[in-house]
N, C-alpha and C. Protein backbone atom coordinates (compact mmCIF):
# COMPACT_ATOMS: atom_id res chain seq x y z
N UNK A 1 0.84 -1.19 0.00
CA UNK A 1 0.00 0.00 0.00
C UNK A 1 0.88 1.25 0.00
N UNK A 2 0.24 2.37 -0.12
CA UNK A 2 0.97 3.63 -0.15
C UNK A 2 1.12 4.20 1.25
N UNK A 3 1.91 5.26 1.32
CA UNK A 3 2.12 5.92 2.61
C UNK A 3 0.88 6.67 3.05
N UNK A 4 -0.05 6.93 2.15
CA UNK A 4 -1.26 7.68 2.49
C UNK A 4 -2.13 6.93 3.48
N UNK A 5 -2.03 5.60 3.51
CA UNK A 5 -2.85 4.84 4.44
C UNK A 5 -2.36 4.97 5.87
N UNK A 6 -1.17 5.51 6.08
CA UNK A 6 -0.62 5.68 7.43
C UNK A 6 -1.03 7.00 8.07
N UNK A 7 -1.82 7.79 7.39
CA UNK A 7 -2.23 9.10 7.89
C UNK A 7 -3.28 8.93 8.98
N UNK A 8 -3.08 9.63 10.11
CA UNK A 8 -4.05 9.60 11.20
C UNK A 8 -4.81 10.92 11.16
N UNK A 9 -6.11 10.82 11.02
CA UNK A 9 -6.96 12.01 10.95
C UNK A 9 -7.43 12.40 12.34
N UNK A 10 -7.45 13.69 12.61
CA UNK A 10 -7.89 14.17 13.92
C UNK A 10 -9.41 14.27 14.01
N UNK A 11 -10.07 14.40 12.86
CA UNK A 11 -11.53 14.43 12.84
C UNK A 11 -12.00 13.90 11.49
N UNK A 12 -13.28 13.57 11.37
CA UNK A 12 -13.78 13.00 10.12
C UNK A 12 -13.62 13.96 8.95
N UNK A 13 -13.47 13.40 7.76
CA UNK A 13 -13.29 14.23 6.57
C UNK A 13 -14.46 15.18 6.35
N UNK A 14 -15.67 14.72 6.60
CA UNK A 14 -16.84 15.56 6.40
C UNK A 14 -16.87 16.75 7.34
N UNK A 15 -16.23 16.64 8.49
CA UNK A 15 -16.23 17.72 9.48
C UNK A 15 -15.09 18.71 9.25
N UNK A 16 -14.12 18.33 8.42
CA UNK A 16 -12.98 19.21 8.16
C UNK A 16 -13.40 20.34 7.21
N UNK A 17 -12.75 21.49 7.35
CA UNK A 17 -13.02 22.60 6.44
C UNK A 17 -12.26 22.38 5.14
N UNK A 18 -12.64 23.12 4.11
CA UNK A 18 -11.95 23.01 2.83
C UNK A 18 -10.47 23.37 2.98
N UNK A 19 -10.19 24.36 3.81
CA UNK A 19 -8.80 24.77 4.03
C UNK A 19 -8.00 23.64 4.67
N UNK A 20 -8.58 22.98 5.68
CA UNK A 20 -7.90 21.86 6.33
C UNK A 20 -7.67 20.71 5.35
N UNK A 21 -8.66 20.44 4.51
CA UNK A 21 -8.53 19.37 3.52
C UNK A 21 -7.43 19.70 2.51
N UNK A 22 -7.36 20.94 2.08
CA UNK A 22 -6.29 21.34 1.14
C UNK A 22 -4.92 21.17 1.78
N UNK A 23 -4.78 21.61 3.03
CA UNK A 23 -3.49 21.46 3.72
C UNK A 23 -3.12 19.99 3.85
N UNK A 24 -4.10 19.14 4.14
CA UNK A 24 -3.86 17.70 4.25
C UNK A 24 -3.37 17.14 2.91
N UNK A 25 -4.04 17.54 1.84
CA UNK A 25 -3.66 17.06 0.51
C UNK A 25 -2.25 17.51 0.12
N UNK A 26 -1.97 18.77 0.36
CA UNK A 26 -0.68 19.32 -0.04
C UNK A 26 0.46 18.73 0.79
N UNK A 27 0.25 18.60 2.10
CA UNK A 27 1.35 18.15 2.96
C UNK A 27 1.51 16.64 3.04
N UNK A 28 0.41 15.88 3.00
CA UNK A 28 0.53 14.45 3.27
C UNK A 28 0.10 13.54 2.13
N UNK A 29 -0.64 14.05 1.17
CA UNK A 29 -1.11 13.19 0.07
C UNK A 29 -0.71 13.84 -1.25
N UNK A 30 0.55 13.69 -1.66
CA UNK A 30 1.03 14.37 -2.87
C UNK A 30 0.42 13.83 -4.17
N UNK A 31 -0.16 12.63 -4.16
CA UNK A 31 -0.73 12.09 -5.39
C UNK A 31 -2.02 12.81 -5.79
N UNK A 32 -2.60 13.61 -4.90
CA UNK A 32 -3.77 14.42 -5.26
C UNK A 32 -3.26 15.73 -5.83
N UNK A 33 -3.51 15.93 -7.12
CA UNK A 33 -3.04 17.15 -7.77
C UNK A 33 -4.22 18.10 -7.96
N UNK A 34 -3.94 19.37 -7.93
CA UNK A 34 -4.98 20.36 -8.12
C UNK A 34 -5.86 20.60 -6.92
N UNK A 35 -5.36 20.26 -5.73
CA UNK A 35 -6.16 20.39 -4.51
C UNK A 35 -6.50 21.84 -4.21
N UNK A 36 -5.63 22.75 -4.59
CA UNK A 36 -5.89 24.16 -4.25
C UNK A 36 -7.07 24.73 -5.03
N UNK A 37 -7.45 24.10 -6.15
CA UNK A 37 -8.57 24.59 -6.93
C UNK A 37 -9.86 23.82 -6.72
N UNK A 38 -9.83 22.80 -5.87
CA UNK A 38 -11.02 21.97 -5.65
C UNK A 38 -11.91 22.55 -4.56
N UNK A 39 -13.21 22.25 -4.67
CA UNK A 39 -14.12 22.62 -3.59
C UNK A 39 -14.12 21.48 -2.55
N UNK A 40 -14.85 21.70 -1.46
CA UNK A 40 -14.81 20.76 -0.34
C UNK A 40 -15.27 19.36 -0.74
N UNK A 41 -16.37 19.25 -1.48
CA UNK A 41 -16.90 17.95 -1.86
C UNK A 41 -15.91 17.17 -2.71
N UNK A 42 -15.27 17.85 -3.63
CA UNK A 42 -14.27 17.20 -4.49
C UNK A 42 -13.06 16.77 -3.67
N UNK A 43 -12.68 17.60 -2.71
CA UNK A 43 -11.54 17.25 -1.85
C UNK A 43 -11.84 16.02 -1.01
N UNK A 44 -13.05 15.95 -0.44
CA UNK A 44 -13.42 14.80 0.39
C UNK A 44 -13.39 13.52 -0.44
N UNK A 45 -13.94 13.59 -1.66
CA UNK A 45 -13.95 12.41 -2.54
C UNK A 45 -12.52 12.00 -2.90
N UNK A 46 -11.68 12.97 -3.23
CA UNK A 46 -10.30 12.67 -3.62
C UNK A 46 -9.50 12.08 -2.46
N UNK A 47 -9.69 12.62 -1.26
CA UNK A 47 -8.97 12.10 -0.09
C UNK A 47 -9.44 10.69 0.23
N UNK A 48 -10.75 10.47 0.18
CA UNK A 48 -11.28 9.12 0.44
C UNK A 48 -10.71 8.11 -0.53
N UNK A 49 -10.66 8.46 -1.80
CA UNK A 49 -10.11 7.55 -2.80
C UNK A 49 -8.62 7.31 -2.56
N UNK A 50 -7.88 8.36 -2.22
CA UNK A 50 -6.45 8.22 -1.99
C UNK A 50 -6.15 7.37 -0.75
N UNK A 51 -7.00 7.48 0.27
CA UNK A 51 -6.79 6.71 1.50
C UNK A 51 -7.40 5.32 1.42
N UNK A 52 -8.16 5.06 0.36
CA UNK A 52 -8.75 3.74 0.20
C UNK A 52 -10.07 3.56 0.91
N UNK A 53 -10.71 4.66 1.33
CA UNK A 53 -12.03 4.58 1.96
C UNK A 53 -13.06 4.42 0.86
N UNK A 54 -14.13 3.75 1.19
CA UNK A 54 -15.22 3.58 0.24
C UNK A 54 -15.93 4.91 0.07
N UNK A 55 -16.33 5.22 -1.15
CA UNK A 55 -17.07 6.46 -1.39
C UNK A 55 -18.57 6.25 -1.26
N UNK A 56 -19.00 5.00 -1.06
CA UNK A 56 -20.41 4.70 -0.85
C UNK A 56 -20.85 5.28 0.49
N UNK A 57 -21.94 5.98 0.53
CA UNK A 57 -22.41 6.64 1.75
C UNK A 57 -22.82 5.65 2.83
N UNK A 58 -23.38 4.49 2.43
CA UNK A 58 -23.83 3.52 3.42
C UNK A 58 -22.67 2.77 4.05
N UNK A 59 -21.61 2.59 3.32
CA UNK A 59 -20.45 1.87 3.83
C UNK A 59 -19.31 2.86 4.00
N UNK A 60 -18.96 3.15 5.23
CA UNK A 60 -17.98 4.18 5.50
C UNK A 60 -16.54 3.70 5.36
N UNK A 61 -16.29 2.40 5.36
CA UNK A 61 -14.94 1.89 5.22
C UNK A 61 -14.22 1.85 6.56
N UNK A 62 -12.92 1.66 6.53
CA UNK A 62 -12.18 1.57 7.78
C UNK A 62 -12.17 2.90 8.53
N UNK A 63 -12.28 2.81 9.82
CA UNK A 63 -12.31 4.01 10.65
C UNK A 63 -10.93 4.66 10.69
N UNK A 64 -10.85 5.97 10.50
CA UNK A 64 -9.56 6.64 10.60
C UNK A 64 -9.06 6.70 12.05
N UNK A 65 -9.92 6.35 12.99
CA UNK A 65 -9.57 6.40 14.41
C UNK A 65 -9.28 5.02 14.99
N UNK A 66 -9.12 4.02 14.14
CA UNK A 66 -9.00 2.64 14.61
C UNK A 66 -7.85 2.47 15.61
N UNK A 67 -6.69 3.02 15.31
CA UNK A 67 -5.54 2.89 16.21
C UNK A 67 -5.80 3.56 17.56
N UNK A 68 -6.42 4.73 17.53
CA UNK A 68 -6.72 5.44 18.78
C UNK A 68 -7.73 4.66 19.61
N UNK A 69 -8.73 4.07 18.95
CA UNK A 69 -9.73 3.28 19.67
C UNK A 69 -9.08 2.06 20.30
N UNK A 70 -8.20 1.39 19.56
CA UNK A 70 -7.52 0.22 20.10
C UNK A 70 -6.66 0.58 21.31
N UNK A 71 -5.98 1.72 21.24
CA UNK A 71 -5.15 2.14 22.37
C UNK A 71 -6.01 2.42 23.60
N UNK A 72 -7.15 3.05 23.40
CA UNK A 72 -8.05 3.31 24.53
C UNK A 72 -8.59 2.01 25.11
N UNK A 73 -8.93 1.07 24.25
CA UNK A 73 -9.45 -0.21 24.75
C UNK A 73 -8.37 -0.98 25.50
N UNK A 74 -7.13 -0.86 25.05
CA UNK A 74 -6.02 -1.48 25.79
C UNK A 74 -5.92 -0.89 27.19
N UNK A 75 -6.05 0.43 27.27
CA UNK A 75 -6.02 1.11 28.57
C UNK A 75 -7.16 0.62 29.46
N UNK A 76 -8.33 0.45 28.89
CA UNK A 76 -9.50 -0.02 29.66
C UNK A 76 -9.20 -1.41 30.22
N UNK A 77 -8.65 -2.29 29.41
CA UNK A 77 -8.33 -3.65 29.89
C UNK A 77 -7.33 -3.61 31.04
N UNK A 78 -6.31 -2.75 30.91
CA UNK A 78 -5.30 -2.63 31.97
C UNK A 78 -5.93 -2.11 33.26
N UNK A 79 -6.79 -1.10 33.13
CA UNK A 79 -7.44 -0.54 34.32
C UNK A 79 -8.38 -1.54 34.97
N UNK A 80 -9.08 -2.33 34.15
CA UNK A 80 -9.95 -3.37 34.72
C UNK A 80 -9.15 -4.40 35.49
N UNK A 81 -8.00 -4.79 34.95
CA UNK A 81 -7.16 -5.76 35.64
C UNK A 81 -6.66 -5.17 36.96
N UNK A 82 -6.28 -3.89 36.91
CA UNK A 82 -5.82 -3.21 38.13
C UNK A 82 -6.95 -3.13 39.15
N UNK A 83 -8.15 -2.85 38.69
CA UNK A 83 -9.31 -2.76 39.59
C UNK A 83 -9.62 -4.12 40.22
N UNK A 84 -9.51 -5.18 39.43
CA UNK A 84 -9.76 -6.52 39.96
C UNK A 84 -8.72 -6.95 40.99
N UNK A 85 -7.52 -6.38 40.90
CA UNK A 85 -6.45 -6.71 41.85
C UNK A 85 -6.68 -6.08 43.23
N UNK A 86 -7.41 -4.97 43.23
CA UNK A 86 -7.62 -4.25 44.50
C UNK A 86 -8.62 -5.02 45.38
N UNK A 87 -8.36 -5.04 46.68
CA UNK A 87 -9.35 -5.67 47.58
C UNK A 87 -10.61 -4.81 47.67
N UNK A 88 -11.71 -5.44 47.99
CA UNK A 88 -12.98 -4.72 48.04
C UNK A 88 -13.01 -3.68 49.16
N UNK A 89 -12.06 -3.74 50.09
CA UNK A 89 -12.01 -2.75 51.17
C UNK A 89 -11.52 -1.39 50.66
N UNK A 90 -10.85 -1.35 49.52
CA UNK A 90 -10.37 -0.08 48.96
C UNK A 90 -11.40 0.46 47.98
N UNK A 91 -12.53 0.76 48.51
CA UNK A 91 -13.67 1.19 47.70
C UNK A 91 -13.39 2.48 46.94
N UNK A 92 -12.72 3.42 47.57
CA UNK A 92 -12.44 4.71 46.94
C UNK A 92 -11.56 4.53 45.70
N UNK A 93 -10.53 3.73 45.80
CA UNK A 93 -9.64 3.49 44.67
C UNK A 93 -10.37 2.75 43.55
N UNK A 94 -11.20 1.79 43.92
CA UNK A 94 -11.98 1.04 42.93
C UNK A 94 -12.95 1.97 42.19
N UNK A 95 -13.57 2.90 42.92
CA UNK A 95 -14.49 3.85 42.29
C UNK A 95 -13.76 4.79 41.32
N UNK A 96 -12.56 5.22 41.70
CA UNK A 96 -11.78 6.08 40.81
C UNK A 96 -11.44 5.34 39.51
N UNK A 97 -11.04 4.09 39.64
CA UNK A 97 -10.73 3.30 38.45
C UNK A 97 -11.99 3.08 37.60
N UNK A 98 -13.11 2.84 38.25
CA UNK A 98 -14.37 2.64 37.53
C UNK A 98 -14.71 3.89 36.71
N UNK A 99 -14.53 5.06 37.32
CA UNK A 99 -14.82 6.32 36.61
C UNK A 99 -13.89 6.51 35.41
N UNK A 100 -12.60 6.18 35.60
CA UNK A 100 -11.66 6.30 34.49
C UNK A 100 -12.05 5.36 33.36
N UNK A 101 -12.45 4.14 33.70
CA UNK A 101 -12.86 3.16 32.69
C UNK A 101 -14.08 3.66 31.93
N UNK A 102 -15.06 4.18 32.65
CA UNK A 102 -16.27 4.69 32.00
C UNK A 102 -15.95 5.87 31.07
N UNK A 103 -15.06 6.74 31.50
CA UNK A 103 -14.66 7.88 30.67
C UNK A 103 -14.00 7.40 29.38
N UNK A 104 -13.08 6.44 29.50
CA UNK A 104 -12.39 5.93 28.32
C UNK A 104 -13.36 5.22 27.37
N UNK A 105 -14.31 4.49 27.93
CA UNK A 105 -15.31 3.82 27.09
C UNK A 105 -16.15 4.83 26.32
N UNK A 106 -16.50 5.94 26.96
CA UNK A 106 -17.26 6.98 26.28
C UNK A 106 -16.45 7.58 25.14
N UNK A 107 -15.15 7.77 25.36
CA UNK A 107 -14.29 8.31 24.31
C UNK A 107 -14.22 7.37 23.12
N UNK A 108 -14.14 6.05 23.37
CA UNK A 108 -14.10 5.11 22.25
C UNK A 108 -15.40 5.16 21.47
N UNK A 109 -16.53 5.29 22.17
CA UNK A 109 -17.82 5.36 21.48
C UNK A 109 -17.91 6.63 20.62
N UNK A 110 -17.42 7.76 21.17
CA UNK A 110 -17.46 9.00 20.42
C UNK A 110 -16.59 8.92 19.15
N UNK A 111 -15.41 8.32 19.29
CA UNK A 111 -14.53 8.18 18.14
C UNK A 111 -15.15 7.25 17.09
N UNK A 112 -15.77 6.18 17.54
CA UNK A 112 -16.40 5.24 16.60
C UNK A 112 -17.57 5.90 15.89
N UNK A 113 -18.33 6.73 16.59
CA UNK A 113 -19.48 7.40 15.97
C UNK A 113 -19.03 8.49 15.00
N UNK A 114 -17.88 9.09 15.27
CA UNK A 114 -17.39 10.17 14.41
C UNK A 114 -16.85 9.66 13.08
N UNK A 115 -16.49 8.40 13.04
CA UNK A 115 -15.88 7.85 11.83
C UNK A 115 -16.87 7.62 10.72
């Protein structure tokens, strides 16, 4: 595959401005030519094709946040193991870990929904 598939997006392509999309094309996806003259819709289509995302609206393709979601889920597993290690007498510490786990789970859901 090309180097374009290694690009990590900070937000979904549809949410990016035309200026942000142009900067992305110019700096990280050199195979897209004429980006400075394209409108937003054309830029989104060109970036999706260059990154290998499906252009079909019903099928969104691979999530650009997949690595971030996996890292968060890894953290959740580690925190759950740490929470299970604590004795039930340390209720305060267990509650803090529970809150951290819930927060991380919410972040993974938000990232998955944004993709």
